[in-house]
Amino acid sequence: MVATSLSGLAKLKPNQPHPECCVQKGFNWDEVILYAPHSQWSDSPVAEFWNGPVVRVMPRFETAFKGQLNPD
């Protein structure tokens, strides 16, 4: 259910980052998604980072996360 909702959200938001992997048999697997602080689901926020598999993207995710903690 969550994977289906995330996939639909990605299709509706062309400016949203799209994962480079992880769709198997129509389901999204092993992804990490980061939203800006104070994002509201009711607003259908755009992700700041979205990719996977987790083990391969952790350095880029950590950079994006630290950017949220210390915005320029």
PDB file of N, CA and C in Angstrom:
ATOM      1  N   MET A   1       0.820  -1.194   0.000  1.00  0.00           N
ATOM      2  CA  MET A   1       0.000   0.000   0.000  1.00  0.00           C
ATOM      3  C   MET A   1       0.868   1.264   0.000  1.00  0.00           C
ATOM      4  N   VAL A   2       1.878   1.311   0.850  1.00  0.00           N
ATOM      5  CA  VAL A   2       2.754   2.490   0.906  1.00  0.00           C
ATOM      6  C   VAL A   2       3.510   2.633  -0.410  1.00  0.00           C
ATOM      7  N   ALA A   3       4.036   1.525  -0.942  1.00  0.00           N
ATOM      8  CA  ALA A   3       4.786   1.575  -2.195  1.00  0.00           C
ATOM      9  C   ALA A   3       3.920   2.101  -3.328  1.00  0.00           C
ATOM     10  N   THR A   4       2.672   1.688  -3.366  1.00  0.00           N
ATOM     11  CA  THR A   4       1.757   2.158  -4.406  1.00  0.00           C
ATOM     12  C   THR A   4       1.520   3.652  -4.270  1.00  0.00           C
ATOM     13  N   SER A   5       1.324   4.125  -3.053  1.00  0.00           N
ATOM     14  CA  SER A   5       1.107   5.554  -2.822  1.00  0.00           C
ATOM     15  C   SER A   5       2.337   6.367  -3.206  1.00  0.00           C
ATOM     16  N   LEU A   6       3.525   5.881  -2.847  1.00  0.00           N
ATOM     17  CA  LEU A   6       4.753   6.600  -3.186  1.00  0.00           C
ATOM     18  C   LEU A   6       4.959   6.647  -4.691  1.00  0.00           C
ATOM     19  N   SER A   7       4.688   5.550  -5.358  1.00  0.00           N
ATOM     20  CA  SER A   7       4.828   5.516  -6.806  1.00  0.00           C
ATOM     21  C   SER A   7       3.872   6.511  -7.465  1.00  0.00           C
ATOM     22  N   GLY A   8       2.648   6.582  -6.974  1.00  0.00           N
ATOM     23  CA  GLY A   8       1.681   7.539  -7.502  1.00  0.00           C
ATOM     24  C   GLY A   8       2.104   8.970  -7.264  1.00  0.00           C
ATOM     25  N   LEU A   9       2.668   9.232  -6.087  1.00  0.00           N
ATOM     26  CA  LEU A   9       3.144  10.573  -5.759  1.00  0.00           C
ATOM     27  C   LEU A   9       4.275  10.986  -6.699  1.00  0.00           C
ATOM     28  N   ALA A  10       5.165  10.073  -6.984  1.00  0.00           N
ATOM     29  CA  ALA A  10       6.282  10.375  -7.881  1.00  0.00           C
ATOM     30  C   ALA A  10       5.784  10.747  -9.273  1.00  0.00           C
ATOM     31  N   LYS A  11       4.752  10.071  -9.742  1.00  0.00           N
ATOM     32  CA  LYS A  11       4.217  10.355 -11.071  1.00  0.00           C
ATOM     33  C   LYS A  11       3.505  11.704 -11.133  1.00  0.00           C
ATOM     34  N   LEU A  12       2.913  12.134 -10.015  1.00  0.00           N
ATOM     35  CA  LEU A  12       2.184  13.396  -9.984  1.00  0.00           C
ATOM     36  C   LEU A  12       3.089  14.615  -9.847  1.00  0.00           C
ATOM     37  N   LYS A  13       4.279  14.413  -9.356  1.00  0.00           N
ATOM     38  CA  LYS A  13       5.200  15.523  -9.097  1.00  0.00           C
ATOM     39  C   LYS A  13       6.417  15.413 -10.017  1.00  0.00           C
ATOM     40  N   PRO A  14       6.394  16.064 -11.171  1.00  0.00           N
ATOM     41  CA  PRO A  14       7.516  15.939 -12.105  1.00  0.00           C
ATOM     42  C   PRO A  14       8.828  16.496 -11.551  1.00  0.00           C
ATOM     43  N   ASN A  15       8.768  17.435 -10.614  1.00  0.00           N
ATOM     44  CA  ASN A  15       9.990  18.001 -10.041  1.00  0.00           C
ATOM     45  C   ASN A  15      10.504  17.184  -8.860  1.00  0.00           C
ATOM     46  N   GLN A  16       9.839  16.088  -8.571  1.00  0.00           N
ATOM     47  CA  GLN A  16      10.246  15.207  -7.469  1.00  0.00           C
ATOM     48  C   GLN A  16      11.411  14.327  -7.913  1.00  0.00           C
ATOM     49  N   PRO A  17      12.391  14.104  -7.046  1.00  0.00           N
ATOM     50  CA  PRO A  17      13.435  13.148  -7.408  1.00  0.00           C
ATOM     51  C   PRO A  17      12.812  11.764  -7.570  1.00  0.00           C
ATOM     52  N   HIS A  18      13.314  11.012  -8.513  1.00  0.00           N
ATOM     53  CA  HIS A  18      12.819   9.662  -8.745  1.00  0.00           C
ATOM     54  C   HIS A  18      13.938   8.668  -8.448  1.00  0.00           C
ATOM     55  N   PRO A  19      13.624   7.589  -7.765  1.00  0.00           N
ATOM     56  CA  PRO A  19      14.663   6.612  -7.440  1.00  0.00           C
ATOM     57  C   PRO A  19      15.234   5.988  -8.706  1.00  0.00           C
ATOM     58  N   GLU A  20      16.508   5.654  -8.650  1.00  0.00           N
ATOM     59  CA  GLU A  20      17.198   5.051  -9.788  1.00  0.00           C
ATOM     60  C   GLU A  20      17.107   3.528  -9.754  1.00  0.00           C
ATOM     61  N   CYS A  21      16.357   3.002  -8.837  1.00  0.00           N
ATOM     62  CA  CYS A  21      16.325   1.547  -8.667  1.00  0.00           C
ATOM     63  C   CYS A  21      15.018   1.087  -8.044  1.00  0.00           C
ATOM     64  N   CYS A  22      15.044  -0.115  -7.624  1.00  0.00           N
ATOM     65  CA  CYS A  22      14.220  -0.669  -6.558  1.00  0.00           C
ATOM     66  C   CYS A  22      12.781  -1.028  -6.891  1.00  0.00           C
ATOM     67  N   VAL A  23      12.375  -1.019  -8.142  1.00  0.00           N
ATOM     68  CA  VAL A  23      11.023  -1.475  -8.446  1.00  0.00           C
ATOM     69  C   VAL A  23      11.117  -2.920  -8.919  1.00  0.00           C
ATOM     70  N   GLN A  24      10.474  -3.803  -8.178  1.00  0.00           N
ATOM     71  CA  GLN A  24      10.441  -5.219  -8.527  1.00  0.00           C
ATOM     72  C   GLN A  24       8.999  -5.697  -8.448  1.00  0.00           C
ATOM     73  N   LYS A  25       8.529  -6.262  -9.534  1.00  0.00           N
ATOM     74  CA  LYS A  25       7.161  -6.777  -9.611  1.00  0.00           C
ATOM     75  C   LYS A  25       6.136  -5.710  -9.233  1.00  0.00           C
ATOM     76  N   GLY A  26       6.428  -4.450  -9.616  1.00  0.00           N
ATOM     77  CA  GLY A  26       5.496  -3.361  -9.370  1.00  0.00           C
ATOM     78  C   GLY A  26       5.566  -2.751  -7.987  1.00  0.00           C
ATOM     79  N   PHE A  27       6.496  -3.178  -7.163  1.00  0.00           N
ATOM     80  CA  PHE A  27       6.633  -2.650  -5.805  1.00  0.00           C
ATOM     81  C   PHE A  27       7.977  -1.967  -5.639  1.00  0.00           C
ATOM     82  N   ASN A  28       7.971  -0.888  -4.875  1.00  0.00           N
ATOM     83  CA  ASN A  28       9.213  -0.187  -4.545  1.00  0.00           C
ATOM     84  C   ASN A  28       9.845  -0.856  -3.326  1.00  0.00           C
ATOM     85  N   TRP A  29      11.146  -1.134  -3.414  1.00  0.00           N
ATOM     86  CA  TRP A  29      11.854  -1.812  -2.339  1.00  0.00           C
ATOM     87  C   TRP A  29      13.097  -1.027  -1.930  1.00  0.00           C
ATOM     88  N   ASP A  30      13.391  -1.040  -0.661  1.00  0.00           N
ATOM     89  CA  ASP A  30      14.686  -0.615  -0.125  1.00  0.00           C
ATOM     90  C   ASP A  30      15.089   0.792  -0.573  1.00  0.00           C
ATOM     91  N   GLU A  31      14.232   1.751  -0.303  1.00  0.00           N
ATOM     92  CA  GLU A  31      14.506   3.132  -0.675  1.00  0.00           C
ATOM     93  C   GLU A  31      14.556   4.004   0.570  1.00  0.00           C
ATOM     94  N   VAL A  32      15.227   5.121   0.432  1.00  0.00           N
ATOM     95  CA  VAL A  32      15.242   6.125   1.495  1.00  0.00           C
ATOM     96  C   VAL A  32      14.698   7.424   0.897  1.00  0.00           C
ATOM     97  N   ILE A  33      13.782   8.047   1.629  1.00  0.00           N
ATOM     98  CA  ILE A  33      13.161   9.293   1.170  1.00  0.00           C
ATOM     99  C   ILE A  33      13.292  10.319   2.290  1.00  0.00           C
ATOM    100  N   LEU A  34      13.716  11.522   1.936  1.00  0.00           N
ATOM    101  CA  LEU A  34      13.885  12.600   2.899  1.00  0.00           C
ATOM    102  C   LEU A  34      13.010  13.780   2.487  1.00  0.00           C
ATOM    103  N   TYR A  35      12.198  14.247   3.427  1.00  0.00           N
ATOM    104  CA  TYR A  35      11.366  15.424   3.196  1.00  0.00           C
ATOM    105  C   TYR A  35      11.890  16.569   4.055  1.00  0.00           C
ATOM    106  N   ALA A  36      11.666  17.779   3.611  1.00  0.00           N
ATOM    107  CA  ALA A  36      12.106  18.966   4.343  1.00  0.00           C
ATOM    108  C   ALA A  36      11.403  19.029   5.702  1.00  0.00           C
ATOM    109  N   PRO A  37      12.046  19.674   6.677  1.00  0.00           N
ATOM    110  CA  PRO A  37      11.399  19.851   7.984  1.00  0.00           C
ATOM    111  C   PRO A  37      10.044  20.542   7.823  1.00  0.00           C
ATOM    112  N   HIS A  38       9.121  20.139   8.631  1.00  0.00           N
ATOM    113  CA  HIS A  38       7.773  20.710   8.681  1.00  0.00           C
ATOM    114  C   HIS A  38       6.933  20.411   7.438  1.00  0.00           C
ATOM    115  N   SER A  39       7.350  19.440   6.625  1.00  0.00           N
ATOM    116  CA  SER A  39       6.529  19.032   5.483  1.00  0.00           C
ATOM    117  C   SER A  39       5.223  18.444   6.000  1.00  0.00           C
ATOM    118  N   GLN A  40       4.162  18.701   5.279  1.00  0.00           N
ATOM    119  CA  GLN A  40       2.838  18.201   5.651  1.00  0.00           C
ATOM    120  C   GLN A  40       2.350  17.239   4.567  1.00  0.00           C
ATOM    121  N   TRP A  41       1.924  16.047   4.955  1.00  0.00           N
ATOM    122  CA  TRP A  41       1.421  15.080   3.982  1.00  0.00           C
ATOM    123  C   TRP A  41       0.212  15.631   3.240  1.00  0.00           C
ATOM    124  N   SER A  42      -0.572  16.448   3.896  1.00  0.00           N
ATOM    125  CA  SER A  42      -1.759  16.997   3.240  1.00  0.00           C
ATOM    126  C   SER A  42      -1.384  17.910   2.064  1.00  0.00           C
ATOM    127  N   ASP A  43      -0.146  18.394   2.046  1.00  0.00           N
ATOM    128  CA  ASP A  43       0.339  19.255   0.966  1.00  0.00           C
ATOM    129  C   ASP A  43       1.032  18.470  -0.148  1.00  0.00           C
ATOM    130  N   SER A  44       1.124  17.143  -0.001  1.00  0.00           N
ATOM    131  CA  SER A  44       1.865  16.297  -0.958  1.00  0.00           C
ATOM    132  C   SER A  44       3.248  16.885  -1.217  1.00  0.00           C
ATOM    133  N   PRO A  45       4.106  16.911  -0.201  1.00  0.00           N
ATOM    134  CA  PRO A  45       5.403  17.572  -0.350  1.00  0.00           C
ATOM    135  C   PRO A  45       6.309  16.874  -1.361  1.00  0.00           C
ATOM    136  N   VAL A  46       7.221  17.634  -1.909  1.00  0.00           N
ATOM    137  CA  VAL A  46       8.239  17.100  -2.808  1.00  0.00           C
ATOM    138  C   VAL A  46       9.405  16.642  -1.946  1.00  0.00           C
ATOM    139  N   ALA A  47       9.913  15.462  -2.222  1.00  0.00           N
ATOM    140  CA  ALA A  47      11.041  14.928  -1.464  1.00  0.00           C
ATOM    141  C   ALA A  47      12.312  15.719  -1.766  1.00  0.00           C
ATOM    142  N   GLU A  48      13.138  15.858  -0.761  1.00  0.00           N
ATOM    143  CA  GLU A  48      14.453  16.478  -0.946  1.00  0.00           C
ATOM    144  C   GLU A  48      15.444  15.450  -1.502  1.00  0.00           C
ATOM    145  N   PHE A  49      15.224  14.193  -1.152  1.00  0.00           N
ATOM    146  CA  PHE A  49      16.092  13.093  -1.588  1.00  0.00           C
ATOM    147  C   PHE A  49      15.236  11.849  -1.686  1.00  0.00           C
ATOM    148  N   TRP A  50      15.450  11.066  -2.746  1.00  0.00           N
ATOM    149  CA  TRP A  50      14.721   9.807  -2.904  1.00  0.00           C
ATOM    150  C   TRP A  50      15.544   8.895  -3.793  1.00  0.00           C
ATOM    151  N   ASN A  51      16.051   7.816  -3.225  1.00  0.00           N
ATOM    152  CA  ASN A  51      16.848   6.894  -4.014  1.00  0.00           C
ATOM    153  C   ASN A  51      17.071   5.607  -3.242  1.00  0.00           C
ATOM    154  N   GLY A  52      17.747   4.685  -3.819  1.00  0.00           N
ATOM    155  CA  GLY A  52      18.051   3.410  -3.210  1.00  0.00           C
ATOM    156  C   GLY A  52      18.897   2.585  -4.169  1.00  0.00           C
ATOM    157  N   PRO A  53      19.234   1.373  -3.789  1.00  0.00           N
ATOM    158  CA  PRO A  53      18.968   0.765  -2.503  1.00  0.00           C
ATOM    159  C   PRO A  53      19.742   1.467  -1.397  1.00  0.00           C
ATOM    160  N   VAL A  54      19.220   1.346  -0.219  1.00  0.00           N
ATOM    161  CA  VAL A  54      19.750   2.080   0.933  1.00  0.00           C
ATOM    162  C   VAL A  54      21.256   1.890   1.078  1.00  0.00           C
ATOM    163  N   VAL A  55      21.728   0.686   0.979  1.00  0.00           N
ATOM    164  CA  VAL A  55      23.153   0.415   1.197  1.00  0.00           C
ATOM    165  C   VAL A  55      24.041   1.167   0.203  1.00  0.00           C
ATOM    166  N   ARG A  56      23.533   1.480  -0.978  1.00  0.00           N
ATOM    167  CA  ARG A  56      24.342   2.172  -1.989  1.00  0.00           C
ATOM    168  C   ARG A  56      24.244   3.685  -1.930  1.00  0.00           C
ATOM    169  N   VAL A  57      23.196   4.221  -1.336  1.00  0.00           N
ATOM    170  CA  VAL A  57      22.984   5.670  -1.395  1.00  0.00           C
ATOM    171  C   VAL A  57      23.191   6.378  -0.063  1.00  0.00           C
ATOM    172  N   MET A  58      23.633   5.674   0.951  1.00  0.00           N
ATOM    173  CA  MET A  58      23.779   6.306   2.270  1.00  0.00           C
ATOM    174  C   MET A  58      24.686   7.531   2.271  1.00  0.00           C
ATOM    175  N   PRO A  59      25.828   7.538   1.583  1.00  0.00           N
ATOM    176  CA  PRO A  59      26.638   8.769   1.590  1.00  0.00           C
ATOM    177  C   PRO A  59      25.888   9.974   1.022  1.00  0.00           C
ATOM    178  N   ARG A  60      25.169   9.795  -0.081  1.00  0.00           N
ATOM    179  CA  ARG A  60      24.407  10.910  -0.669  1.00  0.00           C
ATOM    180  C   ARG A  60      23.234  11.298   0.227  1.00  0.00           C
ATOM    181  N   PHE A  61      22.594  10.306   0.856  1.00  0.00           N
ATOM    182  CA  PHE A  61      21.507  10.600   1.786  1.00  0.00           C
ATOM    183  C   PHE A  61      22.023  11.409   2.975  1.00  0.00           C
ATOM    184  N   GLU A  62      23.152  11.002   3.533  1.00  0.00           N
ATOM    185  CA  GLU A  62      23.723  11.715   4.678  1.00  0.00           C
ATOM    186  C   GLU A  62      24.033  13.164   4.317  1.00  0.00           C
ATOM    187  N   THR A  63      24.539  13.402   3.115  1.00  0.00           N
ATOM    188  CA  THR A  63      24.812  14.769   2.669  1.00  0.00           C
ATOM    189  C   THR A  63      23.522  15.578   2.594  1.00  0.00           C
ATOM    190  N   ALA A  64      22.473  14.985   2.031  1.00  0.00           N
ATOM    191  CA  ALA A  64      21.179  15.676   1.937  1.00  0.00           C
ATOM    192  C   ALA A  64      20.609  15.937   3.324  1.00  0.00           C
ATOM    193  N   PHE A  65      20.740  14.973   4.220  1.00  0.00           N
ATOM    194  CA  PHE A  65      20.217  15.119   5.577  1.00  0.00           C
ATOM    195  C   PHE A  65      20.954  16.228   6.317  1.00  0.00           C
ATOM    196  N   LYS A  66      22.271  16.242   6.220  1.00  0.00           N
ATOM    197  CA  LYS A  66      23.050  17.284   6.874  1.00  0.00           C
ATOM    198  C   LYS A  66      22.711  18.658   6.307  1.00  0.00           C
ATOM    199  N   GLY A  67      22.375  18.718   5.014  1.00  0.00           N
ATOM    200  CA  GLY A  67      21.965  19.975   4.408  1.00  0.00           C
ATOM    201  C   GLY A  67      20.669  20.489   5.010  1.00  0.00           C
ATOM    202  N   GLN A  68      19.793  19.584   5.439  1.00  0.00           N
ATOM    203  CA  GLN A  68      18.549  19.984   6.105  1.00  0.00           C
ATOM    204  C   GLN A  68      18.826  20.510   7.512  1.00  0.00           C
ATOM    205  N   LEU A  69      19.837  19.950   8.160  1.00  0.00           N
ATOM    206  CA  LEU A  69      20.181  20.389   9.523  1.00  0.00           C
ATOM    207  C   LEU A  69      20.903  21.724   9.515  1.00  0.00           C
ATOM    208  N   ASN A  70      21.706  21.954   8.470  1.00  0.00           N
ATOM    209  CA  ASN A  70      22.524  23.169   8.376  1.00  0.00           C
ATOM    210  C   ASN A  70      22.285  23.854   7.045  1.00  0.00           C
ATOM    211  N   PRO A  71      21.100  24.404   6.809  1.00  0.00           N
ATOM    212  CA  PRO A  71      20.854  25.058   5.509  1.00  0.00           C
ATOM    213  C   PRO A  71      21.758  26.266   5.337  1.00  0.00           C
ATOM    214  N   ASP A  72      22.171  26.505   4.104  1.00  0.00           N
ATOM    215  CA  ASP A  72      23.046  27.669   3.826  1.00  0.00           C
ATOM    216  C   ASP A  72      22.272  28.946   3.810  1.00  0.00           C
TER     217      ASP A  72
END
